[in-house]
């Protein structure tokens, strides 16, 4: 079956807990570097989450790197690997080292937002700015297990029939406030990738609660959240606003878990304005 993701670049990891593991990524544009980190939903990839965003941002003057995290997209997906949060972070760090990105903006949604927070806490001198869209890792596991979207996703993954197109459609209709944006092409593409993913991916992945460390984040932060999010509760927006010193928080009505899809033009404008000082620093005439 033809892959819904165009082939980009690959890196074979040399360090971390799983040397020899291959990570796939796309790299487009020139300028201040932005690394996009996708969420944990079945069928997710850097391309499926951020290809349209990257096209706009690259045209505005950014280098846009979109990795498929281990177990996702076109990256390796062995069933006998523990997809721990430390493994994901180590893979992203090795990719940044490989690309020579010592200064980078991290953009993450959902689990990818939690991973962006972790990387910023561990490498504060590397991360220039942080863009978060409904990041995970800010509540107890019981809180997340109570969210309707999370429950639907787990039923889709671990149900007796396994992942099916019908189950994926139910999950993705909960991703968005306006379910008409969930197209057949989107479901087909995500299902094609999801069927290649081992259930061990979600069994071994644990996103830590990092709420008590948010105050350590020193870089400028832009956080966007949909009021109607069924996966990560919008109360997290207040948590970030109260904990962080240099933060802008935008909450949107009639918006679910994917701000960058339901309010694409606004999302691009707010983010590019937030990143404008970085472009100005390399292009004085900007």
C-alpha atoms as a PDB file:
ATOM      1  CA  UNK A   1       0.000   0.000   0.000  1.00  0.00           C
ATOM      2  CA  UNK A   2       1.328   3.432  -0.918  1.00  0.00           C
ATOM      3  CA  UNK A   3       2.423   5.489   2.064  1.00  0.00           C
ATOM      4  CA  UNK A   4       0.407   8.675   2.722  1.00  0.00           C
ATOM      5  CA  UNK A   5       3.642  10.306   3.887  1.00  0.00           C
ATOM      6  CA  UNK A   6       6.199  11.426   1.287  1.00  0.00           C
ATOM      7  CA  UNK A   7       9.668  10.069   1.878  1.00  0.00           C
ATOM      8  CA  UNK A   8      12.027  12.568   3.519  1.00  0.00           C
ATOM      9  CA  UNK A   9      15.325  11.962   5.309  1.00  0.00           C
ATOM     10  CA  UNK A  10      16.431   9.346   7.823  1.00  0.00           C
ATOM     11  CA  UNK A  11      18.841   9.221  10.733  1.00  0.00           C
ATOM     12  CA  UNK A  12      20.080   5.986  12.273  1.00  0.00           C
ATOM     13  CA  UNK A  13      20.528   6.587  15.983  1.00  0.00           C
ATOM     14  CA  UNK A  14      23.947   5.839  17.439  1.00  0.00           C
ATOM     15  CA  UNK A  15      23.266   6.679  21.075  1.00  0.00           C
ATOM     16  CA  UNK A  16      20.415   6.460  23.533  1.00  0.00           C
ATOM     17  CA  UNK A  17      18.705   3.268  24.679  1.00  0.00           C
ATOM     18  CA  UNK A  18      18.079   1.930  21.160  1.00  0.00           C
ATOM     19  CA  UNK A  19      21.087   2.414  18.851  1.00  0.00           C
ATOM     20  CA  UNK A  20      20.428   1.365  15.281  1.00  0.00           C
ATOM     21  CA  UNK A  21      16.875   2.699  15.390  1.00  0.00           C
ATOM     22  CA  UNK A  22      15.975   4.753  12.294  1.00  0.00           C
ATOM     23  CA  UNK A  23      14.127   8.057  12.647  1.00  0.00           C
ATOM     24  CA  UNK A  24      12.424   9.629   9.635  1.00  0.00           C
ATOM     25  CA  UNK A  25      12.033  13.397   9.231  1.00  0.00           C
ATOM     26  CA  UNK A  26      11.268  16.196   6.781  1.00  0.00           C
ATOM     27  CA  UNK A  27      13.418  19.327   6.562  1.00  0.00           C
ATOM     28  CA  UNK A  28      12.163  22.298   4.533  1.00  0.00           C
ATOM     29  CA  UNK A  29      13.008  25.995   4.268  1.00  0.00           C
ATOM     30  CA  UNK A  30      15.865  28.170   5.482  1.00  0.00           C
ATOM     31  CA  UNK A  31      16.213  30.584   8.374  1.00  0.00           C
ATOM     32  CA  UNK A  32      15.785  30.298  12.156  1.00  0.00           C
ATOM     33  CA  UNK A  33      15.098  26.647  12.878  1.00  0.00           C
ATOM     34  CA  UNK A  34      11.797  25.285  14.155  1.00  0.00           C
ATOM     35  CA  UNK A  35      11.361  21.666  15.217  1.00  0.00           C
ATOM     36  CA  UNK A  36       7.778  20.362  15.269  1.00  0.00           C
ATOM     37  CA  UNK A  37       6.779  17.563  17.667  1.00  0.00           C
ATOM     38  CA  UNK A  38       3.544  15.725  16.931  1.00  0.00           C
ATOM     39  CA  UNK A  39       1.097  14.117  19.353  1.00  0.00           C
ATOM     40  CA  UNK A  40       0.662  10.505  20.413  1.00  0.00           C
ATOM     41  CA  UNK A  41      -2.533   9.592  18.561  1.00  0.00           C
ATOM     42  CA  UNK A  42      -2.592   6.523  16.309  1.00  0.00           C
ATOM     43  CA  UNK A  43      -1.336   7.289  12.820  1.00  0.00           C
ATOM     44  CA  UNK A  44       0.347  10.549  13.819  1.00  0.00           C
ATOM     45  CA  UNK A  45       3.473  11.827  12.071  1.00  0.00           C
ATOM     46  CA  UNK A  46       5.344  15.063  11.669  1.00  0.00           C
ATOM     47  CA  UNK A  47       4.014  15.385   8.128  1.00  0.00           C
ATOM     48  CA  UNK A  48       0.359  14.693   8.940  1.00  0.00           C
ATOM     49  CA  UNK A  49       0.335  17.170  11.819  1.00  0.00           C
ATOM     50  CA  UNK A  50       2.420  19.990  10.403  1.00  0.00           C
ATOM     51  CA  UNK A  51       2.990  19.841   6.627  1.00  0.00           C
ATOM     52  CA  UNK A  52       0.647  22.750   5.847  1.00  0.00           C
ATOM     53  CA  UNK A  53       1.988  24.785   8.755  1.00  0.00           C
ATOM     54  CA  UNK A  54       5.580  24.168   7.666  1.00  0.00           C
ATOM     55  CA  UNK A  55       4.807  25.331   4.132  1.00  0.00           C
ATOM     56  CA  UNK A  56       3.607  28.704   5.446  1.00  0.00           C
ATOM     57  CA  UNK A  57       6.395  29.094   7.975  1.00  0.00           C
ATOM     58  CA  UNK A  58       9.111  28.143   5.480  1.00  0.00           C
ATOM     59  CA  UNK A  59       7.761  30.789   3.089  1.00  0.00           C
ATOM     60  CA  UNK A  60       7.980  33.297   5.952  1.00  0.00           C
ATOM     61  CA  UNK A  61      11.673  32.545   6.497  1.00  0.00           C
ATOM     62  CA  UNK A  62      12.024  29.522   8.803  1.00  0.00           C
ATOM     63  CA  UNK A  63      13.738  26.181   8.530  1.00  0.00           C
ATOM     64  CA  UNK A  64      11.092  23.633   9.484  1.00  0.00           C
ATOM     65  CA  UNK A  65      12.079  20.163  10.711  1.00  0.00           C
ATOM     66  CA  UNK A  66       9.284  17.609  11.195  1.00  0.00           C
ATOM     67  CA  UNK A  67      10.422  14.297  12.699  1.00  0.00           C
ATOM     68  CA  UNK A  68       8.327  11.185  13.033  1.00  0.00           C
ATOM     69  CA  UNK A  69       8.917  10.204  16.638  1.00  0.00           C
ATOM     70  CA  UNK A  70      10.003   6.603  17.253  1.00  0.00           C
ATOM     71  CA  UNK A  71       7.045   4.316  16.617  1.00  0.00           C
ATOM     72  CA  UNK A  72       5.296   6.837  14.362  1.00  0.00           C
ATOM     73  CA  UNK A  73       5.101   7.813  10.709  1.00  0.00           C
ATOM     74  CA  UNK A  74       7.918   6.279   8.697  1.00  0.00           C
ATOM     75  CA  UNK A  75      10.281   5.852  11.659  1.00  0.00           C
ATOM     76  CA  UNK A  76      11.083   2.349  12.914  1.00  0.00           C
ATOM     77  CA  UNK A  77       8.311   0.630  14.911  1.00  0.00           C
ATOM     78  CA  UNK A  78       9.624  -2.619  16.418  1.00  0.00           C
ATOM     79  CA  UNK A  79       7.295  -4.266  18.917  1.00  0.00           C
ATOM     80  CA  UNK A  80      10.080  -5.231  21.330  1.00  0.00           C
ATOM     81  CA  UNK A  81      11.187  -1.674  22.159  1.00  0.00           C
ATOM     82  CA  UNK A  82      10.091   0.341  25.203  1.00  0.00           C
ATOM     83  CA  UNK A  83       8.903   3.689  23.844  1.00  0.00           C
ATOM     84  CA  UNK A  84       9.675   5.591  27.017  1.00  0.00           C
ATOM     85  CA  UNK A  85       9.604   9.358  27.238  1.00  0.00           C
ATOM     86  CA  UNK A  86      13.366   9.333  27.826  1.00  0.00           C
ATOM     87  CA  UNK A  87      13.830   7.345  24.595  1.00  0.00           C
ATOM     88  CA  UNK A  88      11.746   9.857  22.622  1.00  0.00           C
ATOM     89  CA  UNK A  89      13.688  12.771  24.094  1.00  0.00           C
ATOM     90  CA  UNK A  90      17.041  11.101  23.376  1.00  0.00           C
ATOM     91  CA  UNK A  91      16.030  10.481  19.752  1.00  0.00           C
ATOM     92  CA  UNK A  92      15.029  14.121  19.244  1.00  0.00           C
ATOM     93  CA  UNK A  93      18.227  15.335  20.892  1.00  0.00           C
ATOM     94  CA  UNK A  94      20.365  13.168  18.611  1.00  0.00           C
ATOM     95  CA  UNK A  95      18.472  14.501  15.586  1.00  0.00           C
ATOM     96  CA  UNK A  96      19.109  18.092  16.701  1.00  0.00           C
ATOM     97  CA  UNK A  97      22.806  17.271  17.177  1.00  0.00           C
ATOM     98  CA  UNK A  98      22.937  15.593  13.759  1.00  0.00           C
ATOM     99  CA  UNK A  99      21.435  18.676  12.094  1.00  0.00           C
ATOM    100  CA  UNK A 100      23.701  21.032  14.034  1.00  0.00           C
ATOM    101  CA  UNK A 101      20.747  22.869  15.556  1.00  0.00           C
ATOM    102  CA  UNK A 102      22.192  24.415  18.692  1.00  0.00           C
ATOM    103  CA  UNK A 103      19.491  27.101  18.722  1.00  0.00           C
ATOM    104  CA  UNK A 104      15.953  26.046  17.891  1.00  0.00           C
ATOM    105  CA  UNK A 105      12.287  26.818  18.460  1.00  0.00           C
ATOM    106  CA  UNK A 106      10.263  23.843  19.672  1.00  0.00           C
ATOM    107  CA  UNK A 107       6.624  23.543  18.592  1.00  0.00           C
ATOM    108  CA  UNK A 108       4.621  20.723  20.144  1.00  0.00           C
ATOM    109  CA  UNK A 109       1.013  19.658  20.345  1.00  0.00           C
ATOM    110  CA  UNK A 110      -0.447  17.258  22.925  1.00  0.00           C
ATOM    111  CA  UNK A 111       2.205  14.647  23.811  1.00  0.00           C
ATOM    112  CA  UNK A 112       4.610  16.554  21.557  1.00  0.00           C
ATOM    113  CA  UNK A 113       4.028  19.617  23.726  1.00  0.00           C
ATOM    114  CA  UNK A 114       4.932  17.622  26.817  1.00  0.00           C
ATOM    115  CA  UNK A 115       8.071  16.415  25.042  1.00  0.00           C
ATOM    116  CA  UNK A 116       8.931  20.002  24.078  1.00  0.00           C
ATOM    117  CA  UNK A 117       8.637  21.006  27.737  1.00  0.00           C
ATOM    118  CA  UNK A 118      10.895  18.130  28.798  1.00  0.00           C
ATOM    119  CA  UNK A 119      13.543  19.023  26.207  1.00  0.00           C
ATOM    120  CA  UNK A 120      13.445  22.693  27.231  1.00  0.00           C
ATOM    121  CA  UNK A 121      13.890  21.801  30.892  1.00  0.00           C
ATOM    122  CA  UNK A 122      16.848  19.569  30.024  1.00  0.00           C
ATOM    123  CA  UNK A 123      18.472  21.860  27.427  1.00  0.00           C
ATOM    124  CA  UNK A 124      17.452  25.439  28.270  1.00  0.00           C
ATOM    125  CA  UNK A 125      20.362  26.992  26.369  1.00  0.00           C
ATOM    126  CA  UNK A 126      19.307  25.269  23.149  1.00  0.00           C
ATOM    127  CA  UNK A 127      15.630  26.268  23.058  1.00  0.00           C
ATOM    128  CA  UNK A 128      15.065  29.867  22.004  1.00  0.00           C
ATOM    129  CA  UNK A 129      11.279  29.898  22.157  1.00  0.00           C
ATOM    130  CA  UNK A 130       8.504  27.447  22.860  1.00  0.00           C
ATOM    131  CA  UNK A 131       5.123  27.092  21.128  1.00  0.00           C
ATOM    132  CA  UNK A 132       2.692  24.739  22.845  1.00  0.00           C
ATOM    133  CA  UNK A 133      -0.712  23.595  21.624  1.00  0.00           C
ATOM    134  CA  UNK A 134      -2.707  21.855  24.358  1.00  0.00           C
ATOM    135  CA  UNK A 135       0.375  20.119  25.772  1.00  0.00           C
ATOM    136  CA  UNK A 136       0.059  16.944  27.782  1.00  0.00           C
ATOM    137  CA  UNK A 137       1.920  16.164  30.978  1.00  0.00           C
ATOM    138  CA  UNK A 138       0.187  18.795  33.124  1.00  0.00           C
ATOM    139  CA  UNK A 139      -2.407  16.661  34.945  1.00  0.00           C
ATOM    140  CA  UNK A 140      -2.647  13.366  36.808  1.00  0.00           C
ATOM    141  CA  UNK A 141      -3.151  10.245  34.722  1.00  0.00           C
ATOM    142  CA  UNK A 142      -6.638   9.889  36.195  1.00  0.00           C
ATOM    143  CA  UNK A 143      -7.581  13.295  34.788  1.00  0.00           C
ATOM    144  CA  UNK A 144      -6.507  12.294  31.288  1.00  0.00           C
ATOM    145  CA  UNK A 145      -8.229   8.917  31.559  1.00  0.00           C
ATOM    146  CA  UNK A 146     -11.445  10.802  32.284  1.00  0.00           C
ATOM    147  CA  UNK A 147     -11.338  12.755  29.008  1.00  0.00           C
ATOM    148  CA  UNK A 148     -13.784  11.524  26.356  1.00  0.00           C
ATOM    149  CA  UNK A 149     -11.227  11.759  23.571  1.00  0.00           C
ATOM    150  CA  UNK A 150      -8.621   9.764  25.455  1.00  0.00           C
ATOM    151  CA  UNK A 151     -11.142   7.053  26.270  1.00  0.00           C
ATOM    152  CA  UNK A 152     -12.151   6.807  22.601  1.00  0.00           C
ATOM    153  CA  UNK A 153      -8.517   6.598  21.526  1.00  0.00           C
ATOM    154  CA  UNK A 154      -7.775   3.784  23.981  1.00  0.00           C
ATOM    155  CA  UNK A 155     -10.857   1.837  22.867  1.00  0.00           C
ATOM    156  CA  UNK A 156      -9.701   2.228  19.263  1.00  0.00           C
ATOM    157  CA  UNK A 157      -6.200   0.955  20.054  1.00  0.00           C
ATOM    158  CA  UNK A 158      -6.931  -1.801  22.554  1.00  0.00           C
ATOM    159  CA  UNK A 159     -10.442  -2.886  21.572  1.00  0.00           C
ATOM    160  CA  UNK A 160     -11.071  -6.531  20.590  1.00  0.00           C
ATOM    161  CA  UNK A 161     -10.970  -5.707  16.856  1.00  0.00           C
ATOM    162  CA  UNK A 162      -7.834  -3.607  17.131  1.00  0.00           C
ATOM    163  CA  UNK A 163      -7.486  -0.457  15.085  1.00  0.00           C
ATOM    164  CA  UNK A 164     -10.174  -0.088  12.419  1.00  0.00           C
ATOM    165  CA  UNK A 165     -11.087   2.727  10.079  1.00  0.00           C
ATOM    166  CA  UNK A 166     -14.426   3.125  11.879  1.00  0.00           C
ATOM    167  CA  UNK A 167     -12.713   3.384  15.247  1.00  0.00           C
ATOM    168  CA  UNK A 168     -10.267   5.954  13.899  1.00  0.00           C
ATOM    169  CA  UNK A 169     -13.142   8.044  12.544  1.00  0.00           C
ATOM    170  CA  UNK A 170     -14.739   8.147  16.000  1.00  0.00           C
ATOM    171  CA  UNK A 171     -11.469   9.290  17.566  1.00  0.00           C
ATOM    172  CA  UNK A 172     -10.802  12.023  15.048  1.00  0.00           C
ATOM    173  CA  UNK A 173     -14.310  13.407  15.190  1.00  0.00           C
ATOM    174  CA  UNK A 174     -13.505  14.136  18.839  1.00  0.00           C
ATOM    175  CA  UNK A 175     -10.235  15.863  17.893  1.00  0.00           C
ATOM    176  CA  UNK A 176     -12.090  18.802  16.370  1.00  0.00           C
ATOM    177  CA  UNK A 177     -14.988  21.013  17.415  1.00  0.00           C
ATOM    178  CA  UNK A 178     -16.062  21.090  13.756  1.00  0.00           C
ATOM    179  CA  UNK A 179     -16.101  17.412  12.828  1.00  0.00           C
ATOM    180  CA  UNK A 180     -16.781  18.285   9.160  1.00  0.00           C
ATOM    181  CA  UNK A 181     -13.050  19.001   8.922  1.00  0.00           C
ATOM    182  CA  UNK A 182     -12.384  15.291   9.443  1.00  0.00           C
ATOM    183  CA  UNK A 183     -12.142  14.183   5.812  1.00  0.00           C
ATOM    184  CA  UNK A 184     -12.083  10.689   4.354  1.00  0.00           C
ATOM    185  CA  UNK A 185      -8.535  11.341   3.155  1.00  0.00           C
ATOM    186  CA  UNK A 186      -7.422  12.243   6.683  1.00  0.00           C
ATOM    187  CA  UNK A 187      -8.947   9.080   8.165  1.00  0.00           C
ATOM    188  CA  UNK A 188      -7.536   6.893   5.390  1.00  0.00           C
ATOM    189  CA  UNK A 189      -4.048   8.359   5.787  1.00  0.00           C
ATOM    190  CA  UNK A 190      -3.964   8.078   9.558  1.00  0.00           C
ATOM    191  CA  UNK A 191      -5.427   4.564   9.526  1.00  0.00           C
ATOM    192  CA  UNK A 192      -2.818   3.374   7.018  1.00  0.00           C
ATOM    193  CA  UNK A 193      -0.024   4.418   9.389  1.00  0.00           C
ATOM    194  CA  UNK A 194      -1.838   3.307  12.553  1.00  0.00           C
ATOM    195  CA  UNK A 195      -2.106  -0.253  11.260  1.00  0.00           C
ATOM    196  CA  UNK A 196       1.717  -0.415  11.146  1.00  0.00           C
ATOM    197  CA  UNK A 197       2.120   0.596  14.809  1.00  0.00           C
ATOM    198  CA  UNK A 198       2.540  -2.010  17.558  1.00  0.00           C
ATOM    199  CA  UNK A 199       0.308  -1.734  20.617  1.00  0.00           C
ATOM    200  CA  UNK A 200       3.497  -1.886  22.701  1.00  0.00           C
ATOM    201  CA  UNK A 201       4.055   1.737  21.649  1.00  0.00           C
ATOM    202  CA  UNK A 202       1.149   2.957  23.777  1.00  0.00           C
ATOM    203  CA  UNK A 203       1.629   0.336  26.493  1.00  0.00           C
ATOM    204  CA  UNK A 204       5.200   1.456  27.215  1.00  0.00           C
ATOM    205  CA  UNK A 205       4.832   5.227  26.726  1.00  0.00           C
ATOM    206  CA  UNK A 206       4.261   7.189  29.930  1.00  0.00           C
ATOM    207  CA  UNK A 207       4.082  10.988  29.839  1.00  0.00           C
ATOM    208  CA  UNK A 208       5.210  12.378  33.216  1.00  0.00           C
ATOM    209  CA  UNK A 209       3.341  15.149  34.998  1.00  0.00           C
ATOM    210  CA  UNK A 210       5.652  18.170  34.643  1.00  0.00           C
ATOM    211  CA  UNK A 211       3.315  20.817  36.060  1.00  0.00           C
ATOM    212  CA  UNK A 212       5.477  21.412  39.126  1.00  0.00           C
ATOM    213  CA  UNK A 213       8.485  22.268  36.917  1.00  0.00           C
ATOM    214  CA  UNK A 214       6.826  24.795  34.612  1.00  0.00           C
ATOM    215  CA  UNK A 215       8.284  27.668  36.629  1.00  0.00           C
ATOM    216  CA  UNK A 216      11.770  26.582  35.521  1.00  0.00           C
ATOM    217  CA  UNK A 217      11.023  27.412  31.872  1.00  0.00           C
ATOM    218  CA  UNK A 218      12.913  30.613  31.131  1.00  0.00           C
ATOM    219  CA  UNK A 219      12.389  31.107  27.390  1.00  0.00           C
ATOM    220  CA  UNK A 220       9.437  33.012  25.897  1.00  0.00           C
ATOM    221  CA  UNK A 221       6.383  30.765  25.528  1.00  0.00           C
ATOM    222  CA  UNK A 222       3.276  30.959  23.379  1.00  0.00           C
ATOM    223  CA  UNK A 223       0.522  28.557  24.427  1.00  0.00           C
ATOM    224  CA  UNK A 224      -2.690  27.966  22.461  1.00  0.00           C
ATOM    225  CA  UNK A 225      -5.641  25.892  23.636  1.00  0.00           C
ATOM    226  CA  UNK A 226      -9.133  25.071  22.387  1.00  0.00           C
ATOM    227  CA  UNK A 227     -11.909  25.514  24.917  1.00  0.00           C
ATOM    228  CA  UNK A 228     -13.638  22.378  23.600  1.00  0.00           C
ATOM    229  CA  UNK A 229     -10.592  20.081  23.839  1.00  0.00           C
ATOM    230  CA  UNK A 230     -11.644  16.500  24.654  1.00  0.00           C
ATOM    231  CA  UNK A 231      -8.096  15.169  25.083  1.00  0.00           C
ATOM    232  CA  UNK A 232      -6.178  17.668  27.242  1.00  0.00           C
ATOM    233  CA  UNK A 233      -8.309  19.778  29.601  1.00  0.00           C
ATOM    234  CA  UNK A 234      -8.261  23.506  28.927  1.00  0.00           C
ATOM    235  CA  UNK A 235      -7.511  24.102  32.618  1.00  0.00           C
ATOM    236  CA  UNK A 236      -3.888  23.463  31.597  1.00  0.00           C
ATOM    237  CA  UNK A 237      -3.844  26.894  29.958  1.00  0.00           C
ATOM    238  CA  UNK A 238      -4.366  28.513  33.362  1.00  0.00           C
ATOM    239  CA  UNK A 239      -1.741  26.246  34.903  1.00  0.00           C
ATOM    240  CA  UNK A 240       0.855  27.459  32.380  1.00  0.00           C
ATOM    241  CA  UNK A 241      -0.207  31.101  32.691  1.00  0.00           C
ATOM    242  CA  UNK A 242       0.181  31.061  36.458  1.00  0.00           C
ATOM    243  CA  UNK A 243       3.463  29.127  36.533  1.00  0.00           C
ATOM    244  CA  UNK A 244       5.530  30.709  33.755  1.00  0.00           C
ATOM    245  CA  UNK A 245       7.105  34.153  33.802  1.00  0.00           C
ATOM    246  CA  UNK A 246       7.353  34.918  30.068  1.00  0.00           C
ATOM    247  CA  UNK A 247       4.225  33.454  28.506  1.00  0.00           C
ATOM    248  CA  UNK A 248       1.351  34.408  26.232  1.00  0.00           C
ATOM    249  CA  UNK A 249      -1.732  32.182  26.487  1.00  0.00           C
ATOM    250  CA  UNK A 250      -4.510  32.151  23.881  1.00  0.00           C
ATOM    251  CA  UNK A 251      -7.682  30.141  24.430  1.00  0.00           C
ATOM    252  CA  UNK A 252     -10.154  29.769  21.593  1.00  0.00           C
ATOM    253  CA  UNK A 253     -13.861  29.031  21.612  1.00  0.00           C
ATOM    254  CA  UNK A 254     -15.309  26.568  19.106  1.00  0.00           C
ATOM    255  CA  UNK A 255     -11.976  24.803  18.989  1.00  0.00           C
ATOM    256  CA  UNK A 256     -10.965  21.269  19.902  1.00  0.00           C
ATOM    257  CA  UNK A 257      -7.568  19.621  20.268  1.00  0.00           C
ATOM    258  CA  UNK A 258      -6.071  20.849  16.976  1.00  0.00           C
ATOM    259  CA  UNK A 259      -5.766  24.632  17.063  1.00  0.00           C
ATOM    260  CA  UNK A 260      -3.499  24.540  13.995  1.00  0.00           C
ATOM    261  CA  UNK A 261      -6.260  22.871  11.963  1.00  0.00           C
ATOM    262  CA  UNK A 262      -9.431  24.607  13.124  1.00  0.00           C
ATOM    263  CA  UNK A 263      -7.928  28.105  13.293  1.00  0.00           C
ATOM    264  CA  UNK A 264      -5.044  27.705  10.844  1.00  0.00           C
ATOM    265  CA  UNK A 265      -4.738  31.310   9.636  1.00  0.00           C
ATOM    266  CA  UNK A 266      -4.906  32.725  13.162  1.00  0.00           C
ATOM    267  CA  UNK A 267      -2.479  30.099  14.440  1.00  0.00           C
ATOM    268  CA  UNK A 268       0.065  30.909  11.722  1.00  0.00           C
ATOM    269  CA  UNK A 269      -0.256  34.665  12.277  1.00  0.00           C
ATOM    270  CA  UNK A 270       0.115  34.489  16.054  1.00  0.00           C
ATOM    271  CA  UNK A 271       3.057  32.110  15.875  1.00  0.00           C
ATOM    272  CA  UNK A 272       4.916  33.969  13.136  1.00  0.00           C
ATOM    273  CA  UNK A 273       4.463  37.249  15.033  1.00  0.00           C
ATOM    274  CA  UNK A 274       5.831  35.505  18.142  1.00  0.00           C
ATOM    275  CA  UNK A 275       8.874  34.285  16.181  1.00  0.00           C
ATOM    276  CA  UNK A 276       9.444  37.541  14.286  1.00  0.00           C
ATOM    277  CA  UNK A 277      12.356  38.685  16.538  1.00  0.00           C
ATOM    278  CA  UNK A 278      14.324  35.595  15.512  1.00  0.00           C
ATOM    279  CA  UNK A 279      13.847  36.335  11.816  1.00  0.00           C
ATOM    280  CA  UNK A 280      14.736  39.981  12.363  1.00  0.00           C
ATOM    281  CA  UNK A 281      17.982  38.962  14.080  1.00  0.00           C
ATOM    282  CA  UNK A 282      19.198  37.161  10.937  1.00  0.00           C
ATOM    283  CA  UNK A 283      17.617  39.568   8.431  1.00  0.00           C
ATOM    284  CA  UNK A 284      18.015  43.152   9.684  1.00  0.00           C
ATOM    285  CA  UNK A 285      15.880  44.437   6.825  1.00  0.00           C
ATOM    286  CA  UNK A 286      12.980  42.217   8.005  1.00  0.00           C
END
